[in-house]
Amino acid sequence: MGGNVSAEAVELELRPLSARSVVLSLLLGVHPPELPVKDLVRLVEPFGVGGSTLRAALSRMVAAGDLRRAGAVYGLSDRLLERQRRQDDAVRPETRPWNGDWEMAVVTATGRSPAERAELRTELTRLRLAELREGVWLRPATLDRPWPPRLADVTQYFSARPDLPTEASARELAASLWPLGEWAATARALLGHIAGAPRSADRFTAFTAVVRHLLADPVLPPALLPADWPGTALRAAYADYRREFTDQAAGRGHA
């Protein structure tokens, strides 16, 4: 799973963004997550989204509970505010030095439906754990966050220290849990694409993909990562773009 993959071998799936996707990505990227409709009209124009198409999309999104409206200002709903918090955590994860301990979550609940099991797997993956075997999830104890109380009824949470004789053994365990080579290759391909993206719309689409990719970063301690890990460079590129985008959203630049 952690083998080397060249960036040239990666085919990026940068699909054109719908009007809804553009609006959501715009609002997820600004703080506070709200924009007047006049600014939305200006910002979606490079994507070929006209004013009437935008207004129809906004109406549907309000009706669906994606957005809230206050006069001429549209903002994220409470449900999507949680998504923005996850996105912010992905871009700037809070970490602490690694002392060799690992987090371990053992699934204790039984008799759950397939949908409930899938929801739990999604939640544990969002917490950046990986499944060692069925029902046993772990990661290095480097993320500075509490264990969510909502998982107390379905998991047992431990701090553990695996019997790994060498640092190389720990790296091998990490490589068996996460597809590190594939993640790194995609990150390098994204960085290369961004460097050659000529239009602001192309860059926006690419950085939307960057955010999705950062959500899948296991955020491992340096001792467990392959050489030349591109995670830091990808986060730095996104941070630079976010400052640029914030200026555009505020009308201090060109969309």
C-alpha atoms as a PDB file:
ATOM      1  CA  MET A   1       0.000   0.000   0.000  1.00  0.00           C
ATOM      2  CA  GLY A   2       2.834   2.410   0.662  1.00  0.00           C
ATOM      3  CA  GLY A   3       4.887   1.737  -2.483  1.00  0.00           C
ATOM      4  CA  ASN A   4       6.357   4.445  -4.659  1.00  0.00           C
ATOM      5  CA  VAL A   5       4.086   5.950  -7.297  1.00  0.00           C
ATOM      6  CA  SER A   6       5.295   8.668  -9.650  1.00  0.00           C
ATOM      7  CA  ALA A   7       3.338  11.890  -9.963  1.00  0.00           C
ATOM      8  CA  GLU A   8       3.425  11.445 -13.749  1.00  0.00           C
ATOM      9  CA  ALA A   9       1.464   8.192 -13.396  1.00  0.00           C
ATOM     10  CA  VAL A  10      -1.391   9.895 -11.522  1.00  0.00           C
ATOM     11  CA  GLU A  11      -4.403  11.027 -13.512  1.00  0.00           C
ATOM     12  CA  LEU A  12      -6.096  13.834 -11.620  1.00  0.00           C
ATOM     13  CA  GLU A  13      -9.879  13.813 -11.682  1.00  0.00           C
ATOM     14  CA  LEU A  14     -10.617  17.529 -11.767  1.00  0.00           C
ATOM     15  CA  ARG A  15     -14.251  17.497 -12.800  1.00  0.00           C
ATOM     16  CA  PRO A  16     -15.978  20.757 -13.813  1.00  0.00           C
ATOM     17  CA  LEU A  17     -17.776  22.283 -10.855  1.00  0.00           C
ATOM     18  CA  SER A  18     -21.530  22.785 -10.903  1.00  0.00           C
ATOM     19  CA  ALA A  19     -23.038  26.086  -9.772  1.00  0.00           C
ATOM     20  CA  ARG A  20     -23.868  24.452  -6.422  1.00  0.00           C
ATOM     21  CA  SER A  21     -20.312  23.126  -6.005  1.00  0.00           C
ATOM     22  CA  VAL A  22     -18.791  26.508  -6.828  1.00  0.00           C
ATOM     23  CA  VAL A  23     -21.004  28.291  -4.286  1.00  0.00           C
ATOM     24  CA  LEU A  24     -20.289  25.739  -1.553  1.00  0.00           C
ATOM     25  CA  SER A  25     -16.547  25.840  -2.203  1.00  0.00           C
ATOM     26  CA  LEU A  26     -16.573  29.637  -2.107  1.00  0.00           C
ATOM     27  CA  LEU A  27     -18.416  29.776   1.215  1.00  0.00           C
ATOM     28  CA  LEU A  28     -16.395  26.947   2.768  1.00  0.00           C
ATOM     29  CA  GLY A  29     -13.256  28.949   2.017  1.00  0.00           C
ATOM     30  CA  VAL A  30     -14.204  32.245   3.692  1.00  0.00           C
ATOM     31  CA  HIS A  31     -14.617  33.271   7.335  1.00  0.00           C
ATOM     32  CA  PRO A  32     -17.282  34.059   8.317  1.00  0.00           C
ATOM     33  CA  PRO A  33     -18.832  31.722   5.704  1.00  0.00           C
ATOM     34  CA  GLU A  34     -21.220  34.195   4.131  1.00  0.00           C
ATOM     35  CA  LEU A  35     -21.187  36.440   1.055  1.00  0.00           C
ATOM     36  CA  PRO A  36     -23.561  39.010  -0.454  1.00  0.00           C
ATOM     37  CA  VAL A  37     -25.193  37.889  -3.675  1.00  0.00           C
ATOM     38  CA  LYS A  38     -23.409  40.662  -5.606  1.00  0.00           C
ATOM     39  CA  ASP A  39     -20.042  39.174  -4.618  1.00  0.00           C
ATOM     40  CA  LEU A  40     -21.227  35.662  -5.472  1.00  0.00           C
ATOM     41  CA  VAL A  41     -22.254  36.888  -8.940  1.00  0.00           C
ATOM     42  CA  ARG A  42     -18.764  38.327  -9.453  1.00  0.00           C
ATOM     43  CA  LEU A  43     -16.936  35.268  -8.124  1.00  0.00           C
ATOM     44  CA  VAL A  44     -18.846  32.629 -10.104  1.00  0.00           C
ATOM     45  CA  GLU A  45     -18.517  34.467 -13.426  1.00  0.00           C
ATOM     46  CA  PRO A  46     -15.119  32.894 -14.320  1.00  0.00           C
ATOM     47  CA  PHE A  47     -16.842  29.471 -14.177  1.00  0.00           C
ATOM     48  CA  GLY A  48     -19.404  30.434 -16.811  1.00  0.00           C
ATOM     49  CA  VAL A  49     -22.196  30.638 -14.237  1.00  0.00           C
ATOM     50  CA  GLY A  50     -24.594  33.437 -15.118  1.00  0.00           C
ATOM     51  CA  GLY A  51     -26.677  35.471 -12.706  1.00  0.00           C
ATOM     52  CA  SER A  52     -29.947  33.640 -13.377  1.00  0.00           C
ATOM     53  CA  THR A  53     -28.286  30.228 -13.002  1.00  0.00           C
ATOM     54  CA  LEU A  54     -26.686  31.355  -9.745  1.00  0.00           C
ATOM     55  CA  ARG A  55     -29.946  32.654  -8.289  1.00  0.00           C
ATOM     56  CA  ALA A  56     -31.746  29.425  -9.179  1.00  0.00           C
ATOM     57  CA  ALA A  57     -28.963  27.423  -7.504  1.00  0.00           C
ATOM     58  CA  LEU A  58     -29.107  29.623  -4.398  1.00  0.00           C
ATOM     59  CA  SER A  59     -32.874  29.142  -4.106  1.00  0.00           C
ATOM     60  CA  ARG A  60     -32.519  25.362  -4.358  1.00  0.00           C
ATOM     61  CA  MET A  61     -29.712  25.333  -1.780  1.00  0.00           C
ATOM     62  CA  VAL A  62     -31.754  27.362   0.714  1.00  0.00           C
ATOM     63  CA  ALA A  63     -34.721  25.023   0.219  1.00  0.00           C
ATOM     64  CA  ALA A  64     -32.446  21.993   0.726  1.00  0.00           C
ATOM     65  CA  GLY A  65     -31.010  23.368   3.957  1.00  0.00           C
ATOM     66  CA  ASP A  66     -27.493  23.909   2.575  1.00  0.00           C
ATOM     67  CA  LEU A  67     -27.632  27.670   2.964  1.00  0.00           C
ATOM     68  CA  ARG A  68     -29.365  30.274   5.072  1.00  0.00           C
ATOM     69  CA  ARG A  69     -30.364  33.673   3.726  1.00  0.00           C
ATOM     70  CA  ALA A  70     -30.448  37.023   5.493  1.00  0.00           C
ATOM     71  CA  GLY A  71     -31.555  39.684   3.043  1.00  0.00           C
ATOM     72  CA  ALA A  72     -29.077  39.642   0.152  1.00  0.00           C
ATOM     73  CA  VAL A  73     -26.448  37.658   2.111  1.00  0.00           C
ATOM     74  CA  TYR A  74     -26.090  33.878   1.865  1.00  0.00           C
ATOM     75  CA  GLY A  75     -24.253  31.769   4.421  1.00  0.00           C
ATOM     76  CA  LEU A  76     -23.638  28.137   5.269  1.00  0.00           C
ATOM     77  CA  SER A  77     -26.257  26.268   7.284  1.00  0.00           C
ATOM     78  CA  ASP A  78     -25.345  24.814  10.677  1.00  0.00           C
ATOM     79  CA  ARG A  79     -24.880  21.387   9.082  1.00  0.00           C
ATOM     80  CA  LEU A  80     -22.297  22.727   6.647  1.00  0.00           C
ATOM     81  CA  LEU A  81     -20.565  24.778   9.329  1.00  0.00           C
ATOM     82  CA  GLU A  82     -19.459  21.406  10.750  1.00  0.00           C
ATOM     83  CA  ARG A  83     -18.083  20.513   7.327  1.00  0.00           C
ATOM     84  CA  GLN A  84     -16.137  23.785   7.281  1.00  0.00           C
ATOM     85  CA  ARG A  85     -14.669  22.968  10.709  1.00  0.00           C
ATOM     86  CA  ARG A  86     -13.508  19.583   9.397  1.00  0.00           C
ATOM     87  CA  GLN A  87     -12.021  21.289   6.362  1.00  0.00           C
ATOM     88  CA  ASP A  88     -10.175  23.806   8.534  1.00  0.00           C
ATOM     89  CA  ASP A  89      -8.841  20.973  10.688  1.00  0.00           C
ATOM     90  CA  ALA A  90      -7.632  19.173   7.568  1.00  0.00           C
ATOM     91  CA  VAL A  91      -5.701  22.207   6.398  1.00  0.00           C
ATOM     92  CA  ARG A  92      -4.282  23.115   9.829  1.00  0.00           C
ATOM     93  CA  PRO A  93      -4.378  20.008  12.044  1.00  0.00           C
ATOM     94  CA  GLU A  94      -3.445  20.520  15.674  1.00  0.00           C
ATOM     95  CA  THR A  95      -0.644  18.097  16.532  1.00  0.00           C
ATOM     96  CA  ARG A  96       1.723  17.311  19.391  1.00  0.00           C
ATOM     97  CA  PRO A  97       5.144  15.594  19.417  1.00  0.00           C
ATOM     98  CA  TRP A  98       5.032  11.827  19.133  1.00  0.00           C
ATOM     99  CA  ASN A  99       6.248   9.786  22.117  1.00  0.00           C
ATOM    100  CA  GLY A 100       5.647   6.378  20.548  1.00  0.00           C
ATOM    101  CA  ASP A 101       2.084   5.922  21.816  1.00  0.00           C
ATOM    102  CA  TRP A 102      -0.792   5.036  19.496  1.00  0.00           C
ATOM    103  CA  GLU A 103      -4.514   5.671  19.760  1.00  0.00           C
ATOM    104  CA  MET A 104      -6.600   2.511  19.486  1.00  0.00           C
ATOM    105  CA  ALA A 105     -10.368   2.290  19.112  1.00  0.00           C
ATOM    106  CA  VAL A 106     -12.069  -1.089  19.398  1.00  0.00           C
ATOM    107  CA  VAL A 107     -15.616  -1.308  18.080  1.00  0.00           C
ATOM    108  CA  THR A 108     -17.755  -2.804  20.858  1.00  0.00           C
ATOM    109  CA  ALA A 109     -21.291  -2.283  19.557  1.00  0.00           C
ATOM    110  CA  THR A 110     -23.068  -5.286  18.020  1.00  0.00           C
ATOM    111  CA  GLY A 111     -26.243  -5.818  16.067  1.00  0.00           C
ATOM    112  CA  ARG A 112     -25.865  -2.633  14.028  1.00  0.00           C
ATOM    113  CA  SER A 113     -27.299  -2.218  10.548  1.00  0.00           C
ATOM    114  CA  PRO A 114     -25.027  -1.981   7.481  1.00  0.00           C
ATOM    115  CA  ALA A 115     -25.770   1.750   7.287  1.00  0.00           C
ATOM    116  CA  GLU A 116     -24.755   2.238  10.926  1.00  0.00           C
ATOM    117  CA  ARG A 117     -21.550   0.273  10.401  1.00  0.00           C
ATOM    118  CA  ALA A 118     -20.705   2.334   7.326  1.00  0.00           C
ATOM    119  CA  GLU A 119     -21.380   5.570   9.236  1.00  0.00           C
ATOM    120  CA  LEU A 120     -19.021   4.485  12.025  1.00  0.00           C
ATOM    121  CA  ARG A 121     -16.296   3.584   9.520  1.00  0.00           C
ATOM    122  CA  THR A 122     -16.667   7.018   7.950  1.00  0.00           C
ATOM    123  CA  GLU A 123     -16.435   8.703  11.359  1.00  0.00           C
ATOM    124  CA  LEU A 124     -13.313   6.767  12.364  1.00  0.00           C
ATOM    125  CA  THR A 125     -11.695   7.552   9.019  1.00  0.00           C
ATOM    126  CA  ARG A 126     -12.473  11.259   9.520  1.00  0.00           C
ATOM    127  CA  LEU A 127     -10.643  10.980  12.834  1.00  0.00           C
ATOM    128  CA  ARG A 128      -7.654   9.773  10.773  1.00  0.00           C
ATOM    129  CA  LEU A 129      -7.605   6.249  12.180  1.00  0.00           C
ATOM    130  CA  ALA A 130      -7.003   3.192   9.980  1.00  0.00           C
ATOM    131  CA  GLU A 131      -8.336  -0.329  10.422  1.00  0.00           C
ATOM    132  CA  LEU A 132      -5.716  -2.856  11.508  1.00  0.00           C
ATOM    133  CA  ARG A 133      -8.244  -5.687  11.486  1.00  0.00           C
ATOM    134  CA  GLU A 134     -12.016  -5.802  11.621  1.00  0.00           C
ATOM    135  CA  GLY A 135     -13.194  -3.603  14.487  1.00  0.00           C
ATOM    136  CA  VAL A 136      -9.695  -2.488  15.565  1.00  0.00           C
ATOM    137  CA  TRP A 137      -8.629   1.017  14.500  1.00  0.00           C
ATOM    138  CA  LEU A 138      -5.440   2.898  15.369  1.00  0.00           C
ATOM    139  CA  ARG A 139      -3.077   5.751  14.605  1.00  0.00           C
ATOM    140  CA  PRO A 140      -0.058   7.425  16.235  1.00  0.00           C
ATOM    141  CA  ALA A 141      -1.165   9.564  19.186  1.00  0.00           C
ATOM    142  CA  THR A 142      -0.148  12.903  17.692  1.00  0.00           C
ATOM    143  CA  LEU A 143      -3.457  14.672  17.058  1.00  0.00           C
ATOM    144  CA  ASP A 144      -4.349  17.198  19.744  1.00  0.00           C
ATOM    145  CA  ARG A 145      -8.054  16.420  20.008  1.00  0.00           C
ATOM    146  CA  PRO A 146     -10.331  14.644  22.468  1.00  0.00           C
ATOM    147  CA  TRP A 147     -12.082  11.382  21.671  1.00  0.00           C
ATOM    148  CA  PRO A 148     -15.634  12.324  20.611  1.00  0.00           C
ATOM    149  CA  PRO A 149     -18.152  11.537  23.390  1.00  0.00           C
ATOM    150  CA  ARG A 150     -20.668  10.406  20.753  1.00  0.00           C
ATOM    151  CA  LEU A 151     -18.472   7.360  20.056  1.00  0.00           C
ATOM    152  CA  ALA A 152     -18.347   6.211  23.697  1.00  0.00           C
ATOM    153  CA  ASP A 153     -21.353   3.907  23.281  1.00  0.00           C
ATOM    154  CA  VAL A 154     -19.961   2.077  20.248  1.00  0.00           C
ATOM    155  CA  THR A 155     -16.183   2.007  20.818  1.00  0.00           C
ATOM    156  CA  GLN A 156     -13.667   1.442  23.579  1.00  0.00           C
ATOM    157  CA  TYR A 157     -10.777   3.897  23.359  1.00  0.00           C
ATOM    158  CA  PHE A 158      -7.242   3.042  24.480  1.00  0.00           C
ATOM    159  CA  SER A 159      -3.772   4.493  24.499  1.00  0.00           C
ATOM    160  CA  ALA A 160      -1.424   1.732  23.395  1.00  0.00           C
ATOM    161  CA  ARG A 161       2.213   1.137  22.536  1.00  0.00           C
ATOM    162  CA  PRO A 162       2.683  -1.653  19.963  1.00  0.00           C
ATOM    163  CA  ASP A 163       5.621  -4.017  20.436  1.00  0.00           C
ATOM    164  CA  LEU A 164       7.653  -2.645  17.541  1.00  0.00           C
ATOM    165  CA  PRO A 165      11.369  -3.336  17.951  1.00  0.00           C
ATOM    166  CA  THR A 166      12.633  -0.614  15.598  1.00  0.00           C
ATOM    167  CA  GLU A 167      11.559   2.646  14.019  1.00  0.00           C
ATOM    168  CA  ALA A 168      11.572   0.800  10.700  1.00  0.00           C
ATOM    169  CA  SER A 169       8.956  -1.578  12.109  1.00  0.00           C
ATOM    170  CA  ALA A 170       6.754   1.388  13.008  1.00  0.00           C
ATOM    171  CA  ARG A 171       7.156   2.775   9.473  1.00  0.00           C
ATOM    172  CA  GLU A 172       6.181  -0.600   8.037  1.00  0.00           C
ATOM    173  CA  LEU A 173       3.048  -0.640  10.198  1.00  0.00           C
ATOM    174  CA  ALA A 174       2.094   2.848   9.046  1.00  0.00           C
ATOM    175  CA  ALA A 175       2.693   1.886   5.403  1.00  0.00           C
ATOM    176  CA  SER A 176       0.403  -1.117   5.824  1.00  0.00           C
ATOM    177  CA  LEU A 177      -2.385   1.036   7.238  1.00  0.00           C
ATOM    178  CA  TRP A 178      -2.362   3.976   4.798  1.00  0.00           C
ATOM    179  CA  PRO A 179      -1.622   4.204   1.038  1.00  0.00           C
ATOM    180  CA  LEU A 180       1.199   6.679   1.603  1.00  0.00           C
ATOM    181  CA  GLY A 181       2.818   6.300  -1.814  1.00  0.00           C
ATOM    182  CA  GLU A 182      -0.449   6.925  -3.636  1.00  0.00           C
ATOM    183  CA  TRP A 183      -1.321   9.912  -1.436  1.00  0.00           C
ATOM    184  CA  ALA A 184       2.106  11.479  -2.010  1.00  0.00           C
ATOM    185  CA  ALA A 185       1.951  10.949  -5.771  1.00  0.00           C
ATOM    186  CA  THR A 186      -1.450  12.621  -6.011  1.00  0.00           C
ATOM    187  CA  ALA A 187      -0.225  15.514  -3.845  1.00  0.00           C
ATOM    188  CA  ARG A 188       2.767  16.053  -6.147  1.00  0.00           C
ATOM    189  CA  ALA A 189       0.539  15.855  -9.214  1.00  0.00           C
ATOM    190  CA  LEU A 190      -1.756  18.490  -7.689  1.00  0.00           C
ATOM    191  CA  LEU A 191       1.193  20.765  -6.942  1.00  0.00           C
ATOM    192  CA  GLY A 192       2.397  20.391 -10.523  1.00  0.00           C
ATOM    193  CA  HIS A 193      -1.059  21.100 -11.914  1.00  0.00           C
ATOM    194  CA  ILE A 194      -1.441  24.198  -9.749  1.00  0.00           C
ATOM    195  CA  ALA A 195       1.897  25.565 -10.914  1.00  0.00           C
ATOM    196  CA  GLY A 196       0.755  25.326 -14.532  1.00  0.00           C
ATOM    197  CA  ALA A 197      -2.881  26.411 -14.126  1.00  0.00           C
ATOM    198  CA  PRO A 198      -3.261  29.593 -16.196  1.00  0.00           C
ATOM    199  CA  ARG A 199      -6.759  30.752 -15.231  1.00  0.00           C
ATOM    200  CA  SER A 200      -8.220  31.646 -11.839  1.00  0.00           C
ATOM    201  CA  ALA A 201     -11.095  29.197 -12.433  1.00  0.00           C
ATOM    202  CA  ASP A 202      -8.598  26.388 -13.117  1.00  0.00           C
ATOM    203  CA  ARG A 203      -6.724  27.204  -9.920  1.00  0.00           C
ATOM    204  CA  PHE A 204      -9.940  27.288  -7.899  1.00  0.00           C
ATOM    205  CA  THR A 205     -10.975  23.867  -9.237  1.00  0.00           C
ATOM    206  CA  ALA A 206      -7.526  22.482  -8.445  1.00  0.00           C
ATOM    207  CA  PHE A 207      -7.530  23.827  -4.907  1.00  0.00           C
ATOM    208  CA  THR A 208     -10.993  22.374  -4.335  1.00  0.00           C
ATOM    209  CA  ALA A 209      -9.363  19.017  -5.096  1.00  0.00           C
ATOM    210  CA  VAL A 210      -6.464  19.922  -2.775  1.00  0.00           C
ATOM    211  CA  VAL A 211      -8.884  20.334   0.139  1.00  0.00           C
ATOM    212  CA  ARG A 212     -10.433  16.927  -0.550  1.00  0.00           C
ATOM    213  CA  HIS A 213      -6.969  15.400  -0.681  1.00  0.00           C
ATOM    214  CA  LEU A 214      -5.881  17.001   2.598  1.00  0.00           C
ATOM    215  CA  LEU A 215      -8.927  15.462   4.264  1.00  0.00           C
ATOM    216  CA  ALA A 216      -7.377  12.059   3.445  1.00  0.00           C
ATOM    217  CA  ASP A 217      -3.921  12.934   4.824  1.00  0.00           C
ATOM    218  CA  PRO A 218      -3.244  10.664   7.839  1.00  0.00           C
ATOM    219  CA  VAL A 219      -1.100  13.443   9.415  1.00  0.00           C
ATOM    220  CA  LEU A 220       1.560  11.042  10.645  1.00  0.00           C
ATOM    221  CA  PRO A 221       4.632  12.055  12.646  1.00  0.00           C
ATOM    222  CA  PRO A 222       7.715  12.696  10.481  1.00  0.00           C
ATOM    223  CA  ALA A 223       9.435   9.530  11.737  1.00  0.00           C
ATOM    224  CA  LEU A 224       6.739   7.400  10.053  1.00  0.00           C
ATOM    225  CA  LEU A 225       6.607   9.216   6.720  1.00  0.00           C
ATOM    226  CA  PRO A 226       8.449   8.396   3.492  1.00  0.00           C
ATOM    227  CA  ALA A 227      11.231  10.727   2.406  1.00  0.00           C
ATOM    228  CA  ASP A 228      10.189  13.960   0.658  1.00  0.00           C
ATOM    229  CA  TRP A 229       6.636  13.804   1.971  1.00  0.00           C
ATOM    230  CA  PRO A 230       4.672  16.575   0.148  1.00  0.00           C
ATOM    231  CA  GLY A 231       2.026  17.193   2.805  1.00  0.00           C
ATOM    232  CA  THR A 232       3.665  20.351   4.168  1.00  0.00           C
ATOM    233  CA  ALA A 233       4.158  21.798   0.674  1.00  0.00           C
ATOM    234  CA  LEU A 234       0.533  21.102  -0.249  1.00  0.00           C
ATOM    235  CA  ARG A 235      -0.737  22.800   2.918  1.00  0.00           C
ATOM    236  CA  ALA A 236       1.532  25.796   2.313  1.00  0.00           C
ATOM    237  CA  ALA A 237       0.276  26.130  -1.269  1.00  0.00           C
ATOM    238  CA  TYR A 238      -3.320  26.041  -0.077  1.00  0.00           C
ATOM    239  CA  ALA A 239      -2.626  28.593   2.679  1.00  0.00           C
ATOM    240  CA  ASP A 240      -1.128  30.977   0.088  1.00  0.00           C
ATOM    241  CA  TYR A 241      -4.101  30.485  -2.217  1.00  0.00           C
ATOM    242  CA  ARG A 242      -6.567  30.986   0.623  1.00  0.00           C
ATOM    243  CA  ARG A 243      -5.062  34.401   1.364  1.00  0.00           C
ATOM    244  CA  GLU A 244      -5.279  35.249  -2.344  1.00  0.00           C
ATOM    245  CA  PHE A 245      -8.879  34.031  -2.509  1.00  0.00           C
ATOM    246  CA  THR A 246      -9.854  35.977   0.616  1.00  0.00           C
ATOM    247  CA  ASP A 247      -8.665  39.151  -1.122  1.00  0.00           C
ATOM    248  CA  GLN A 248     -10.690  38.249  -4.216  1.00  0.00           C
ATOM    249  CA  ALA A 249     -13.815  37.572  -2.159  1.00  0.00           C
ATOM    250  CA  ALA A 250     -13.406  40.942  -0.454  1.00  0.00           C
ATOM    251  CA  GLY A 251     -13.042  42.686  -3.810  1.00  0.00           C
ATOM    252  CA  ARG A 252      -9.332  43.415  -3.340  1.00  0.00           C
ATOM    253  CA  GLY A 253      -8.273  41.318  -6.326  1.00  0.00           C
ATOM    254  CA  HIS A 254      -9.550  39.950  -9.607  1.00  0.00           C
ATOM    255  CA  ALA A 255     -11.686  36.823  -9.659  1.00  0.00           C
END
